[in-house]
N, C-alpha and C. Protein backbone atom coordinates (compact mmCIF):
# COMPACT_ATOMS: atom_id res chain seq x y z
N MET A 1 5.25 10.16 -17.25
CA MET A 1 6.12 10.98 -16.83
C MET A 1 5.68 10.74 -15.11
N ARG A 2 7.07 11.07 -14.63
CA ARG A 2 6.54 10.60 -12.75
C ARG A 2 7.41 11.93 -11.90
N SER A 3 6.94 12.86 -11.45
CA SER A 3 7.48 14.17 -10.62
C SER A 3 6.90 13.77 -8.81
N ILE A 4 8.26 14.36 -8.03
CA ILE A 4 7.46 14.50 -6.60
C ILE A 4 6.08 15.55 -6.79
N GLY A 5 5.09 14.72 -5.80
CA GLY A 5 4.52 15.86 -5.86
C GLY A 5 4.14 16.60 -4.51
N PRO A 6 3.39 17.23 -4.12
CA PRO A 6 3.18 17.92 -2.95
C PRO A 6 3.32 16.80 -1.50
N THR A 7 3.17 17.72 -0.69
CA THR A 7 3.62 17.10 0.55
C THR A 7 2.36 17.02 1.50
N VAL A 8 2.13 15.87 1.88
CA VAL A 8 0.51 15.10 2.45
C VAL A 8 1.14 15.25 3.91
N GLN A 9 0.23 15.87 4.90
CA GLN A 9 0.53 15.52 6.39
C GLN A 9 -0.56 14.59 6.70
N LEU A 10 -0.67 13.38 7.55
CA LEU A 10 -1.62 12.80 8.49
C LEU A 10 -1.45 12.60 9.53
N VAL A 11 -1.93 12.15 10.31
CA VAL A 11 -1.92 12.40 11.97
C VAL A 11 -2.43 11.04 12.12
N CYS A 12 -1.89 10.17 12.90
CA CYS A 12 -2.21 8.55 13.23
C CYS A 12 -2.08 8.75 14.87
N LYS A 13 -2.43 7.41 15.33
CA LYS A 13 -2.22 7.20 16.88
C LYS A 13 -1.08 5.76 17.02
N ALA A 14 -0.62 4.92 15.67
CA ALA A 14 -0.53 4.10 15.90
C ALA A 14 0.20 3.78 14.40
N VAL A 15 1.13 3.32 14.04
CA VAL A 15 1.37 2.63 12.48
C VAL A 15 1.69 1.36 11.99
N LEU A 16 0.88 1.11 10.78
CA LEU A 16 0.65 -0.48 10.91
C LEU A 16 1.68 -1.11 9.72
N PHE A 17 2.76 -1.64 10.01
CA PHE A 17 3.53 -1.84 8.62
C PHE A 17 2.99 -3.80 7.97
N ASP A 18 2.96 -3.56 6.68
CA ASP A 18 3.18 -5.14 5.54
C ASP A 18 4.67 -5.65 6.34
N MET A 19 5.28 -6.65 6.23
CA MET A 19 6.78 -6.98 5.93
C MET A 19 7.20 -7.03 4.56
N ASP A 20 6.47 -8.00 3.76
CA ASP A 20 7.72 -8.37 2.50
C ASP A 20 7.09 -7.10 1.65
N GLY A 21 8.32 -6.44 0.74
CA GLY A 21 7.82 -5.44 0.30
C GLY A 21 7.91 -3.89 0.80
N THR A 22 7.43 -4.09 2.07
CA THR A 22 7.30 -2.64 2.46
C THR A 22 8.34 -2.78 3.73
N LEU A 23 8.61 -3.26 4.87
CA LEU A 23 9.87 -3.18 5.63
C LEU A 23 11.40 -3.74 4.92
N VAL A 24 10.80 -5.28 4.55
CA VAL A 24 11.70 -5.97 4.29
C VAL A 24 11.51 -6.13 2.62
N ASP A 25 13.07 -6.38 1.83
CA ASP A 25 13.03 -6.31 0.94
C ASP A 25 13.47 -8.30 0.45
N SER A 26 12.37 -8.83 0.61
CA SER A 26 13.11 -10.48 0.30
C SER A 26 12.99 -11.20 -1.52
N THR A 27 12.51 -10.11 -2.24
CA THR A 27 11.62 -10.22 -3.39
C THR A 27 12.97 -11.54 -4.36
N PRO A 28 14.19 -12.09 -4.23
CA PRO A 28 15.01 -12.95 -4.53
C PRO A 28 15.07 -13.62 -4.13
N VAL A 29 14.65 -14.31 -2.56
CA VAL A 29 14.12 -15.23 -2.06
C VAL A 29 12.73 -15.27 -2.26
N VAL A 30 11.74 -14.98 -1.91
CA VAL A 30 10.63 -14.99 -2.67
C VAL A 30 10.48 -15.30 -3.81
N GLU A 31 11.04 -14.67 -5.10
CA GLU A 31 10.52 -15.24 -6.83
C GLU A 31 11.28 -16.75 -6.11
N ALA A 32 12.44 -17.06 -6.34
CA ALA A 32 13.38 -18.36 -5.90
C ALA A 32 12.58 -19.82 -5.63
N GLY A 33 11.66 -19.32 -4.41
CA GLY A 33 11.15 -20.10 -3.94
C GLY A 33 9.64 -20.47 -4.78
N TRP A 34 8.95 -19.65 -5.27
CA TRP A 34 7.93 -20.01 -6.19
C TRP A 34 8.35 -20.19 -7.34
N GLY A 35 9.52 -19.98 -8.10
CA GLY A 35 10.01 -20.29 -9.23
C GLY A 35 10.30 -21.68 -9.05
N ILE A 36 10.91 -22.92 -7.86
CA ILE A 36 10.91 -23.93 -7.92
C ILE A 36 9.32 -24.75 -7.88
N TRP A 37 8.34 -24.07 -7.31
CA TRP A 37 7.04 -24.82 -7.10
C TRP A 37 6.51 -24.69 -8.91
N THR A 38 6.49 -23.39 -9.54
CA THR A 38 6.21 -23.37 -10.80
C THR A 38 7.14 -24.59 -11.43
N VAL A 39 8.54 -24.83 -11.64
CA VAL A 39 8.50 -26.09 -12.44
C VAL A 39 8.17 -27.05 -11.83
N LYS A 40 7.86 -27.36 -10.64
CA LYS A 40 7.19 -28.81 -10.20
C LYS A 40 6.47 -29.04 -10.68
N HIS A 41 4.85 -27.83 -10.96
CA HIS A 41 3.56 -28.05 -11.58
C HIS A 41 3.75 -27.51 -12.87
N ASN A 42 4.78 -27.38 -13.69
CA ASN A 42 4.72 -26.85 -15.00
C ASN A 42 3.94 -25.18 -14.79
N LEU A 43 4.12 -24.43 -14.40
CA LEU A 43 3.24 -23.34 -14.47
C LEU A 43 3.24 -22.20 -14.52
N SER A 44 3.09 -20.82 -15.04
CA SER A 44 3.99 -19.66 -15.20
C SER A 44 4.51 -19.06 -13.84
N LEU A 45 5.83 -19.09 -13.42
CA LEU A 45 6.38 -17.97 -12.93
C LEU A 45 5.75 -16.59 -12.84
N ASP A 46 5.38 -15.94 -14.38
CA ASP A 46 5.30 -14.85 -14.44
C ASP A 46 3.80 -14.83 -13.60
N ALA A 47 2.84 -15.54 -13.90
CA ALA A 47 1.28 -15.45 -13.43
C ALA A 47 1.30 -15.46 -12.07
N ILE A 48 2.40 -16.67 -11.70
CA ILE A 48 2.19 -16.80 -10.54
C ILE A 48 2.69 -15.33 -9.29
N LEU A 49 3.69 -14.78 -9.68
CA LEU A 49 3.86 -13.96 -9.10
C LEU A 49 3.19 -12.41 -8.99
N ALA A 50 2.24 -12.32 -10.23
CA ALA A 50 1.31 -11.41 -10.29
C ALA A 50 0.60 -11.43 -9.95
N PHE A 51 0.31 -13.07 -9.20
CA PHE A 51 -1.17 -12.84 -8.66
C PHE A 51 -0.65 -12.93 -6.36
N SER A 52 0.46 -13.58 -6.59
CA SER A 52 0.76 -13.42 -4.81
C SER A 52 1.41 -12.94 -4.17
N HIS A 53 1.77 -11.27 -4.87
CA HIS A 53 1.88 -10.56 -3.94
C HIS A 53 1.05 -10.22 -2.61
N GLY A 54 1.43 -10.14 -1.74
CA GLY A 54 0.78 -9.77 -0.63
C GLY A 54 -0.49 -10.80 0.20
N ARG A 55 -0.72 -12.24 -0.95
CA ARG A 55 -1.16 -13.18 -0.34
C ARG A 55 -1.00 -14.14 0.37
N PRO A 56 -1.22 -14.99 1.33
CA PRO A 56 -0.86 -16.03 1.90
C PRO A 56 -0.36 -17.38 0.75
N GLY A 57 0.37 -17.75 1.36
CA GLY A 57 0.88 -18.94 -0.15
C GLY A 57 -0.04 -19.85 -0.28
N VAL A 58 -1.12 -20.39 0.35
CA VAL A 58 -1.60 -21.58 0.26
C VAL A 58 -2.85 -20.62 -0.66
N ALA A 59 -3.28 -19.56 -0.46
CA ALA A 59 -4.15 -18.69 -1.25
C ALA A 59 -3.68 -18.71 -2.71
N THR A 60 -2.08 -18.81 -2.62
CA THR A 60 -2.19 -18.62 -4.65
C THR A 60 -2.02 -20.13 -4.97
N MET A 61 -1.64 -20.86 -3.94
CA MET A 61 -1.52 -22.20 -4.41
C MET A 61 -3.09 -22.93 -5.06
N GLU A 62 -3.94 -22.60 -4.24
CA GLU A 62 -4.88 -22.77 -4.38
C GLU A 62 -6.34 -22.45 -5.45
N HIS A 63 -5.83 -21.09 -5.88
CA HIS A 63 -5.66 -20.46 -7.12
C HIS A 63 -5.46 -20.86 -8.32
N PHE A 64 -4.59 -21.35 -8.43
CA PHE A 64 -3.88 -21.60 -8.97
C PHE A 64 -3.84 -23.37 -9.68
N LEU A 65 -3.97 -23.97 -8.39
CA LEU A 65 -4.13 -26.27 -8.29
C LEU A 65 -4.74 -25.94 -7.84
N PRO A 66 -6.75 -25.63 -7.65
CA PRO A 66 -8.07 -25.59 -7.02
C PRO A 66 -8.04 -27.36 -6.51
N GLY A 67 -8.11 -27.64 -5.35
CA GLY A 67 -8.85 -28.84 -5.17
C GLY A 67 -7.72 -29.72 -4.42
N ARG A 68 -6.32 -29.50 -4.33
CA ARG A 68 -5.83 -30.40 -4.07
C ARG A 68 -4.88 -30.19 -2.56
N ASP A 69 -4.39 -30.83 -2.43
CA ASP A 69 -3.87 -30.76 -0.78
C ASP A 69 -2.41 -30.64 -1.12
N HIS A 70 -2.38 -29.32 -0.71
CA HIS A 70 -1.18 -28.73 -0.57
C HIS A 70 0.47 -28.53 0.51
N GLU A 71 -0.32 -29.67 1.66
CA GLU A 71 0.68 -29.91 2.56
C GLU A 71 1.94 -29.42 1.97
N GLU A 72 2.23 -30.31 1.17
CA GLU A 72 3.64 -30.88 1.02
C GLU A 72 4.48 -29.80 0.64
N ASP A 73 3.76 -29.18 -0.32
CA ASP A 73 3.97 -28.18 -1.16
C ASP A 73 4.55 -26.97 -0.72
N LEU A 74 3.90 -27.07 0.91
CA LEU A 74 3.87 -25.54 1.59
C LEU A 74 4.59 -26.24 2.49
N ASN A 75 4.84 -26.96 2.81
CA ASN A 75 6.41 -27.55 3.90
C ASN A 75 7.08 -27.06 3.40
N GLU A 76 7.56 -27.64 1.45
CA GLU A 76 8.82 -27.36 1.19
C GLU A 76 9.17 -25.87 0.66
N LEU A 77 8.30 -25.23 1.00
CA LEU A 77 8.31 -23.82 0.51
C LEU A 77 8.50 -23.12 1.76
N ALA A 78 8.25 -23.45 3.26
CA ALA A 78 8.84 -23.16 4.20
C ALA A 78 10.07 -23.59 4.80
N ILE A 79 10.06 -24.54 4.14
CA ILE A 79 11.66 -25.06 4.42
C ILE A 79 12.86 -24.28 4.34
N TYR A 80 12.39 -23.89 2.27
CA TYR A 80 13.37 -23.17 1.19
C TYR A 80 13.19 -21.81 2.00
N GLU A 81 12.46 -20.90 2.57
CA GLU A 81 12.22 -19.69 2.32
C GLU A 81 12.82 -19.81 3.89
N GLU A 82 12.87 -20.56 4.82
CA GLU A 82 13.40 -20.37 6.32
C GLU A 82 14.68 -20.32 6.45
N THR A 83 15.38 -20.75 5.87
CA THR A 83 16.50 -21.72 5.05
C THR A 83 17.58 -20.47 4.57
N HIS A 84 16.33 -19.24 3.57
CA HIS A 84 17.12 -18.36 2.63
C HIS A 84 16.87 -17.07 3.20
N VAL A 85 17.86 -16.41 3.95
CA VAL A 85 17.96 -15.31 4.18
C VAL A 85 19.13 -14.49 4.02
N ASP A 86 19.62 -15.53 3.11
CA ASP A 86 21.14 -13.96 2.61
C ASP A 86 20.50 -12.96 1.53
N GLY A 87 20.48 -12.22 1.60
CA GLY A 87 20.37 -11.01 0.76
C GLY A 87 18.76 -10.96 1.03
N VAL A 88 18.13 -10.94 2.63
CA VAL A 88 17.02 -10.45 2.61
C VAL A 88 17.85 -8.69 3.47
N THR A 89 16.98 -7.48 3.20
CA THR A 89 17.43 -6.55 3.33
C THR A 89 16.12 -5.43 3.90
N ALA A 90 16.91 -4.28 4.57
CA ALA A 90 15.56 -3.69 4.89
C ALA A 90 15.04 -2.74 3.27
N VAL A 91 14.30 -2.17 3.14
CA VAL A 91 13.60 -1.19 2.24
C VAL A 91 14.09 0.16 3.21
N PRO A 92 14.95 0.77 2.12
CA PRO A 92 15.32 2.39 2.45
C PRO A 92 14.68 2.89 2.79
N GLY A 93 15.04 3.28 4.39
CA GLY A 93 14.69 4.55 5.10
C GLY A 93 13.52 3.41 6.02
N ALA A 94 13.82 2.13 5.89
CA ALA A 94 12.98 1.46 7.22
C ALA A 94 13.61 1.93 8.74
N LYS A 95 14.90 1.77 8.19
CA LYS A 95 15.51 1.39 10.10
C LYS A 95 15.56 2.80 10.97
N GLU A 96 15.01 3.62 9.93
CA GLU A 96 15.38 5.08 10.42
C GLU A 96 13.92 5.43 10.67
N LEU A 97 12.66 4.57 9.98
CA LEU A 97 11.86 5.36 10.44
C LEU A 97 11.26 4.53 11.90
N LEU A 98 11.30 3.00 12.29
CA LEU A 98 10.90 2.49 12.96
C LEU A 98 12.17 3.22 14.43
N SER A 99 13.03 3.54 13.89
CA SER A 99 13.94 3.73 15.18
C SER A 99 13.12 5.71 15.58
N ALA A 100 12.97 6.26 14.55
CA ALA A 100 12.40 7.44 15.20
C ALA A 100 10.55 7.68 15.94
N LEU A 101 10.30 6.40 15.69
CA LEU A 101 8.88 5.76 16.18
C LEU A 101 9.01 5.54 17.53
N GLY A 102 10.31 4.90 17.65
CA GLY A 102 10.91 4.47 19.29
C GLY A 102 9.41 3.72 20.07
N ASP A 103 8.85 4.44 20.92
CA ASP A 103 8.01 3.52 21.93
C ASP A 103 6.63 3.61 21.02
N TYR A 104 6.68 4.88 20.34
CA TYR A 104 4.77 5.24 19.79
C TYR A 104 4.12 3.28 19.30
N PRO A 105 3.34 3.32 19.59
CA PRO A 105 2.69 1.93 18.85
C PRO A 105 2.84 2.09 17.31
N TRP A 106 3.51 0.70 17.48
CA TRP A 106 3.20 0.12 15.82
C TRP A 106 3.98 -1.35 15.66
N ALA A 107 3.35 -2.05 14.57
CA ALA A 107 3.02 -3.29 14.85
C ALA A 107 3.64 -3.54 13.47
N ILE A 108 3.78 -4.95 13.17
CA ILE A 108 3.95 -5.43 11.93
C ILE A 108 2.51 -6.51 11.38
N VAL A 109 2.05 -6.37 10.07
CA VAL A 109 0.68 -7.59 9.76
C VAL A 109 1.09 -7.76 8.80
N THR A 110 1.45 -9.32 8.27
CA THR A 110 2.05 -10.07 7.38
C THR A 110 1.77 -10.98 7.08
N SER A 111 1.77 -11.52 5.99
CA SER A 111 1.20 -12.64 5.14
C SER A 111 1.57 -13.99 5.16
N ALA A 112 3.18 -14.25 5.95
CA ALA A 112 3.88 -14.61 6.28
C ALA A 112 3.69 -15.25 7.62
N TRP A 113 4.10 -16.80 7.52
CA TRP A 113 4.40 -17.38 9.17
C TRP A 113 5.54 -16.65 9.84
N ARG A 114 4.64 -16.71 11.34
CA ARG A 114 5.59 -16.00 12.15
C ARG A 114 6.86 -16.91 12.25
N THR A 115 7.33 -17.63 12.29
CA THR A 115 8.71 -18.42 12.37
C THR A 115 9.90 -17.73 11.08
N LEU A 116 8.76 -17.52 9.72
CA LEU A 116 9.58 -17.03 8.25
C LEU A 116 9.60 -15.49 9.36
N ALA A 117 8.68 -14.98 9.31
CA ALA A 117 8.70 -13.21 9.80
C ALA A 117 9.34 -13.10 10.98
N GLU A 118 9.85 -13.63 11.61
CA GLU A 118 10.87 -13.53 12.38
C GLU A 118 12.08 -13.72 11.81
N ALA A 119 12.43 -14.12 11.27
CA ALA A 119 14.18 -14.70 10.63
C ALA A 119 13.87 -13.32 9.74
N ARG A 120 13.32 -13.03 8.59
CA ARG A 120 13.10 -12.11 8.16
C ARG A 120 13.78 -10.36 8.66
N ILE A 121 12.66 -10.74 9.90
CA ILE A 121 12.78 -9.23 10.53
C ILE A 121 14.67 -9.48 10.72
N LYS A 122 15.27 -10.13 11.38
CA LYS A 122 16.49 -10.43 11.88
C LYS A 122 17.38 -10.10 10.87
N ALA A 123 17.40 -10.78 9.94
CA ALA A 123 18.03 -10.62 9.04
C ALA A 123 17.91 -9.33 8.42
N ALA A 124 17.02 -8.82 7.74
CA ALA A 124 17.32 -7.25 7.61
C ALA A 124 17.54 -5.92 9.24
N GLY A 125 17.71 -6.79 9.99
CA GLY A 125 18.53 -5.73 11.12
C GLY A 125 16.76 -4.69 11.23
N LEU A 126 16.37 -5.52 11.30
CA LEU A 126 15.20 -4.48 12.16
C LEU A 126 14.56 -4.77 13.56
N PRO A 127 14.18 -3.89 14.37
CA PRO A 127 13.97 -4.53 15.39
C PRO A 127 12.37 -5.41 15.40
N MET A 128 12.51 -5.79 16.69
CA MET A 128 10.97 -6.55 16.51
C MET A 128 10.26 -5.87 16.98
N PRO A 129 9.03 -6.00 16.83
CA PRO A 129 7.83 -5.42 17.10
C PRO A 129 7.00 -5.89 17.70
N LYS A 130 6.65 -5.34 18.92
CA LYS A 130 5.66 -5.87 20.59
C LYS A 130 4.60 -6.42 19.82
N VAL A 131 3.99 -6.43 18.41
CA VAL A 131 2.80 -6.67 17.75
C VAL A 131 3.29 -7.57 16.70
N LEU A 132 3.14 -8.67 16.60
CA LEU A 132 3.29 -8.77 14.89
C LEU A 132 2.16 -10.15 14.91
N ILE A 133 1.47 -10.03 13.94
CA ILE A 133 0.31 -10.42 13.55
C ILE A 133 0.62 -11.21 12.29
N SER A 134 0.95 -12.69 12.02
CA SER A 134 0.81 -13.03 11.24
C SER A 134 -0.19 -14.36 10.80
N VAL A 135 0.62 -14.80 9.64
CA VAL A 135 -0.61 -15.52 9.11
C VAL A 135 -1.25 -16.78 10.02
N ASP A 136 -0.86 -17.10 10.46
CA ASP A 136 -0.82 -17.98 11.69
C ASP A 136 -1.58 -17.41 12.87
N ASP A 137 -2.26 -16.38 12.68
CA ASP A 137 -3.31 -15.75 14.14
C ASP A 137 -4.55 -14.85 13.19
N VAL A 138 -4.87 -15.20 12.44
CA VAL A 138 -5.83 -15.05 11.69
C VAL A 138 -6.78 -16.16 10.70
N CYS A 139 -7.82 -15.93 10.54
CA CYS A 139 -8.82 -16.93 10.01
C CYS A 139 -8.64 -16.72 8.19
N HIS A 140 -8.80 -15.27 8.04
CA HIS A 140 -8.78 -14.95 6.65
C HIS A 140 -7.73 -14.06 6.31
N GLY A 141 -6.96 -14.42 5.70
CA GLY A 141 -5.34 -13.14 4.85
C GLY A 141 -5.99 -12.45 4.31
N LYS A 142 -5.18 -11.33 3.61
CA LYS A 142 -5.45 -10.34 3.24
C LYS A 142 -5.68 -10.64 1.67
N PRO A 143 -6.66 -10.15 0.93
CA PRO A 143 -7.14 -8.34 1.81
C PRO A 143 -8.43 -8.53 2.64
N SER A 144 -8.97 -9.89 3.23
CA SER A 144 -9.44 -9.15 4.52
C SER A 144 -8.74 -8.36 5.63
N PRO A 145 -9.95 -7.38 6.16
CA PRO A 145 -8.77 -6.54 7.24
C PRO A 145 -8.70 -7.09 8.29
N GLU A 146 -9.34 -8.37 8.50
CA GLU A 146 -8.85 -9.07 9.95
C GLU A 146 -7.40 -8.68 10.29
N GLY A 147 -6.33 -8.86 9.99
CA GLY A 147 -5.17 -8.65 10.57
C GLY A 147 -4.58 -7.46 11.13
N PHE A 148 -5.02 -6.51 10.06
CA PHE A 148 -4.85 -4.91 10.67
C PHE A 148 -5.74 -4.61 11.38
N LEU A 149 -7.33 -5.24 11.76
CA LEU A 149 -8.15 -4.48 13.14
C LEU A 149 -7.58 -5.64 14.39
N LYS A 150 -6.90 -6.76 13.96
CA LYS A 150 -6.34 -7.57 15.54
C LYS A 150 -5.08 -6.68 16.02
N ALA A 151 -4.48 -5.77 14.98
CA ALA A 151 -2.91 -5.53 15.25
C ALA A 151 -3.40 -3.94 16.33
N ALA A 152 -4.41 -3.14 15.64
CA ALA A 152 -5.19 -2.66 16.44
C ALA A 152 -5.63 -1.99 17.66
N GLU A 153 -6.21 -3.76 17.65
CA GLU A 153 -6.50 -4.15 18.97
C GLU A 153 -5.68 -4.68 19.81
N GLN A 154 -4.49 -5.46 19.46
CA GLN A 154 -3.48 -5.38 20.45
C GLN A 154 -3.36 -4.48 20.84
N LEU A 155 -2.83 -3.28 20.02
CA LEU A 155 -1.96 -2.11 20.78
C LEU A 155 -3.25 -1.14 21.20
N GLY A 156 -4.38 -1.36 21.13
CA GLY A 156 -5.15 -0.63 22.38
C GLY A 156 -5.59 0.74 21.35
N ILE A 157 -5.14 0.80 19.73
CA ILE A 157 -5.75 1.85 19.19
C ILE A 157 -6.75 1.69 18.72
N GLU A 158 -7.44 2.69 17.99
CA GLU A 158 -9.29 2.50 17.65
C GLU A 158 -8.46 2.20 16.09
N HIS A 159 -9.09 1.63 15.05
CA HIS A 159 -9.01 1.16 13.85
C HIS A 159 -8.79 2.62 12.69
N ASP A 160 -9.75 3.39 13.67
CA ASP A 160 -9.96 4.28 12.66
C ASP A 160 -8.86 5.77 12.84
N GLN A 161 -7.73 5.52 13.97
CA GLN A 161 -6.50 6.26 14.36
C GLN A 161 -5.37 5.56 13.90
N SER A 162 -5.58 4.69 13.23
CA SER A 162 -3.93 3.81 13.08
C SER A 162 -4.15 4.21 11.21
N LEU A 163 -2.90 3.89 10.84
CA LEU A 163 -1.80 4.34 9.88
C LEU A 163 -1.55 3.24 9.05
N VAL A 164 -1.36 2.76 7.62
CA VAL A 164 -1.25 1.52 7.14
C VAL A 164 -0.38 1.75 5.70
N PHE A 165 0.73 0.94 6.03
CA PHE A 165 1.61 1.38 4.92
C PHE A 165 2.03 -0.23 4.70
N GLU A 166 1.70 -0.07 2.95
CA GLU A 166 1.37 -1.64 2.31
C GLU A 166 2.15 -1.20 0.77
N ASP A 167 2.41 -2.45 0.33
CA ASP A 167 3.38 -2.37 -0.94
C ASP A 167 1.96 -3.32 -2.29
N THR A 168 0.98 -3.74 -1.83
CA THR A 168 0.38 -4.13 -3.02
C THR A 168 -1.08 -3.86 -2.73
N ARG A 169 -1.47 -4.34 -4.07
CA ARG A 169 -3.36 -3.94 -3.49
C ARG A 169 -4.18 -4.78 -2.76
N PRO A 170 -4.06 -6.38 -2.70
CA PRO A 170 -4.20 -6.92 -1.49
C PRO A 170 -4.16 -6.39 -0.40
N GLY A 171 -2.99 -5.87 0.17
CA GLY A 171 -2.70 -5.04 1.04
C GLY A 171 -3.39 -3.99 1.06
N ILE A 172 -3.28 -3.18 0.72
CA ILE A 172 -4.16 -2.10 0.61
C ILE A 172 -5.41 -1.78 0.84
N GLU A 173 -6.23 -2.83 -0.32
CA GLU A 173 -7.46 -3.02 -0.06
C GLU A 173 -7.58 -3.51 1.76
N ALA A 174 -7.37 -4.31 2.12
CA ALA A 174 -7.02 -5.10 3.91
C ALA A 174 -7.02 -3.49 4.35
N GLY A 175 -6.09 -2.38 4.15
CA GLY A 175 -6.14 -1.24 5.16
C GLY A 175 -7.22 -0.73 4.96
N LEU A 176 -8.18 -0.60 4.14
CA LEU A 176 -8.70 0.62 3.89
C LEU A 176 -9.97 -0.42 4.15
N SER A 177 -10.23 -1.48 3.76
CA SER A 177 -11.73 -2.24 4.69
C SER A 177 -11.82 -2.01 6.06
N ALA A 178 -10.53 -1.95 6.75
CA ALA A 178 -10.17 -1.67 7.97
C ALA A 178 -10.92 -0.16 8.57
N GLY A 179 -11.37 0.62 7.94
CA GLY A 179 -11.24 1.74 7.66
C GLY A 179 -10.17 2.87 8.50
N MET A 180 -8.95 1.99 8.05
CA MET A 180 -7.26 3.33 7.81
C MET A 180 -7.11 3.38 7.17
N GLN A 181 -6.23 5.12 7.12
CA GLN A 181 -5.56 5.15 6.33
C GLN A 181 -4.63 4.62 5.55
N VAL A 182 -3.76 4.86 4.10
CA VAL A 182 -3.35 3.93 3.99
C VAL A 182 -2.12 4.67 2.90
N ILE A 183 -0.68 4.45 3.12
CA ILE A 183 -0.15 4.45 2.70
C ILE A 183 0.40 3.76 1.40
N GLY A 184 0.84 3.68 0.10
CA GLY A 184 1.08 2.63 -0.16
C GLY A 184 2.84 3.21 -1.38
N LEU A 185 3.75 1.88 -0.71
CA LEU A 185 5.07 1.83 -1.26
C LEU A 185 5.16 0.99 -3.02
N LEU A 186 5.61 2.20 -3.58
CA LEU A 186 6.30 1.35 -4.58
C LEU A 186 7.37 0.97 -4.88
N THR A 187 7.53 -0.18 -4.34
CA THR A 187 9.02 -0.78 -4.11
C THR A 187 8.44 -2.52 -4.73
N THR A 188 7.63 -3.02 -4.87
CA THR A 188 7.30 -4.75 -5.61
C THR A 188 6.47 -4.50 -6.92
N VAL A 189 5.00 -3.16 -7.26
CA VAL A 189 4.54 -3.22 -8.10
C VAL A 189 4.55 -1.95 -8.78
N PRO A 190 4.42 -1.79 -9.93
CA PRO A 190 3.55 -0.40 -10.51
C PRO A 190 2.73 0.47 -9.80
N ALA A 191 2.46 1.50 -10.14
CA ALA A 191 1.52 2.45 -9.26
C ALA A 191 -0.16 1.74 -10.19
N ALA A 192 -0.16 2.16 -11.27
CA ALA A 192 -1.19 1.50 -11.90
C ALA A 192 -1.66 0.39 -11.66
N GLU A 193 -0.85 -0.62 -10.56
CA GLU A 193 -1.72 -1.86 -10.15
C GLU A 193 -2.05 -1.98 -8.55
N LEU A 194 -1.51 -0.43 -8.31
CA LEU A 194 -1.62 -0.40 -6.54
C LEU A 194 -2.46 0.64 -6.42
N GLN A 195 -3.63 1.39 -7.79
CA GLN A 195 -4.35 1.73 -7.84
C GLN A 195 -4.90 2.83 -6.57
N HIS A 196 -4.24 3.13 -5.82
CA HIS A 196 -4.28 4.42 -4.71
C HIS A 196 -3.46 5.60 -5.05
N ASP A 197 -4.18 6.76 -4.43
CA ASP A 197 -4.04 7.95 -4.49
C ASP A 197 -2.66 8.74 -3.80
N ILE A 198 -2.52 7.80 -2.65
CA ILE A 198 -1.05 7.98 -1.57
C ILE A 198 0.19 7.10 -1.78
N LEU A 199 0.68 7.53 -3.14
CA LEU A 199 2.36 6.54 -3.12
C LEU A 199 3.62 7.51 -2.76
N ILE A 200 4.13 6.26 -2.52
CA ILE A 200 5.85 6.42 -2.26
C ILE A 200 6.82 5.77 -2.39
N PRO A 201 8.24 5.91 -2.99
CA PRO A 201 9.43 5.14 -3.59
C PRO A 201 9.49 4.47 -2.69
N ASP A 202 10.21 5.05 -1.27
CA ASP A 202 10.54 4.48 -0.50
C ASP A 202 10.32 5.16 1.19
N PHE A 203 11.01 4.52 1.99
CA PHE A 203 10.46 5.26 3.79
C PHE A 203 11.15 6.46 3.80
N ARG A 204 12.07 7.17 2.51
CA ARG A 204 13.25 8.04 2.71
C ARG A 204 11.84 9.36 2.65
N ALA A 205 10.61 9.15 2.08
CA ALA A 205 9.43 9.84 1.37
C ALA A 205 8.60 10.24 3.17
N VAL A 206 9.27 10.02 4.21
CA VAL A 206 8.57 9.68 5.54
C VAL A 206 9.08 10.66 6.30
N THR A 207 8.95 11.47 7.15
CA THR A 207 9.46 12.17 7.91
C THR A 207 8.47 11.82 9.07
N ILE A 208 8.36 12.07 10.30
CA ILE A 208 7.73 11.79 11.45
C ILE A 208 7.79 13.24 12.65
N SER A 209 6.99 13.50 13.21
CA SER A 209 7.55 14.23 14.31
C SER A 209 5.61 13.77 15.27
N TYR A 210 5.99 14.44 16.18
CA TYR A 210 4.71 14.07 17.58
C TYR A 210 4.42 15.31 17.99
N ASP A 211 2.90 15.08 18.89
CA ASP A 211 2.39 16.04 19.57
C ASP A 211 1.45 15.39 20.28
N ASP A 212 2.19 14.97 21.27
CA ASP A 212 1.73 14.03 22.75
C ASP A 212 1.20 12.76 22.01
N GLN A 213 0.20 12.21 22.24
CA GLN A 213 -0.20 10.95 21.94
C GLN A 213 -0.23 10.85 19.70
N LEU A 214 -0.39 11.79 19.35
CA LEU A 214 -0.67 12.21 17.99
C LEU A 214 1.07 11.60 17.40
N ILE A 215 0.35 10.79 16.41
CA ILE A 215 2.09 10.71 15.55
C ILE A 215 1.99 11.64 14.40
N ASN A 216 2.51 12.22 14.00
CA ASN A 216 2.25 13.08 12.58
C ASN A 216 3.31 12.73 11.73
N ILE A 217 2.81 12.16 10.52
CA ILE A 217 3.40 11.56 9.38
C ILE A 217 3.42 12.78 8.26
N SER A 218 4.52 12.99 7.57
CA SER A 218 4.55 13.94 6.75
C SER A 218 5.42 13.45 5.25
N ILE A 219 4.87 13.66 4.06
CA ILE A 219 5.21 12.54 3.36
C ILE A 219 4.99 13.01 2.01
N GLY A 220 6.15 13.37 0.59
CA GLY A 220 6.10 13.59 -0.37
C GLY A 220 6.16 12.62 -1.04
N ILE A 221 4.13 12.72 -1.97
CA ILE A 221 4.04 11.38 -2.68
C ILE A 221 4.01 11.42 -4.00
N GLN A 222 4.14 10.95 -4.91
CA GLN A 222 4.17 10.61 -6.10
C GLN A 222 3.50 10.67 -7.18
N GLU A 223 3.62 11.72 -7.98
CA GLU A 223 2.68 12.03 -9.02
C GLU A 223 2.56 11.06 -10.47
N PHE A 224 1.74 11.08 -10.74
CA PHE A 224 1.99 10.09 -12.24
C PHE A 224 1.51 10.71 -13.26
N CYS A 225 1.61 11.01 -14.19
CA CYS A 225 0.76 11.61 -15.45
C CYS A 225 1.57 10.82 -17.16
């Protein structure tokens, strides 16, 4: 049974967002792209999708087909995803939240490559962040904290003054490992897989206000029993 729990108040100086499944709903395109790859290699799509959320594509390919040259498959997947943006939409409440943030510091940290990230952000009708950390910008993808730490550094904000929104367990682990506050979104996987104590259905559960340089985040969390 699920019910709306108490309101939680958090304070930060910068907000960091994952992209796919957090700000942008690209599920049909992502699943179709991986579907082509699984058919080609006679693998289980369910198994691929259970592992791939929140991770760089090459990490998924190497996990299921270790020790191979994945360059051709990665190029094919890139071409497919970059040329299929119809149906990519903003997660409910995302546009309103980004608009409310205005000039306050925020960034996107994604496991997608930069060209794809920019295409999906535009397709969803969202503003382009001043700081965008893609898989091209890091040596280690999520669950490594590297991307979130780089985003905070580029924003000029201490990592422990940053707050992360994420929709997958690897992303949540990355934010926590960076020493940041993390809010989980139930847009991609169920609560049992996220294993996190602060969960929201989407950004309609979030309101923000300001106190000088501080961003006050008020959320109606989800309780599960």
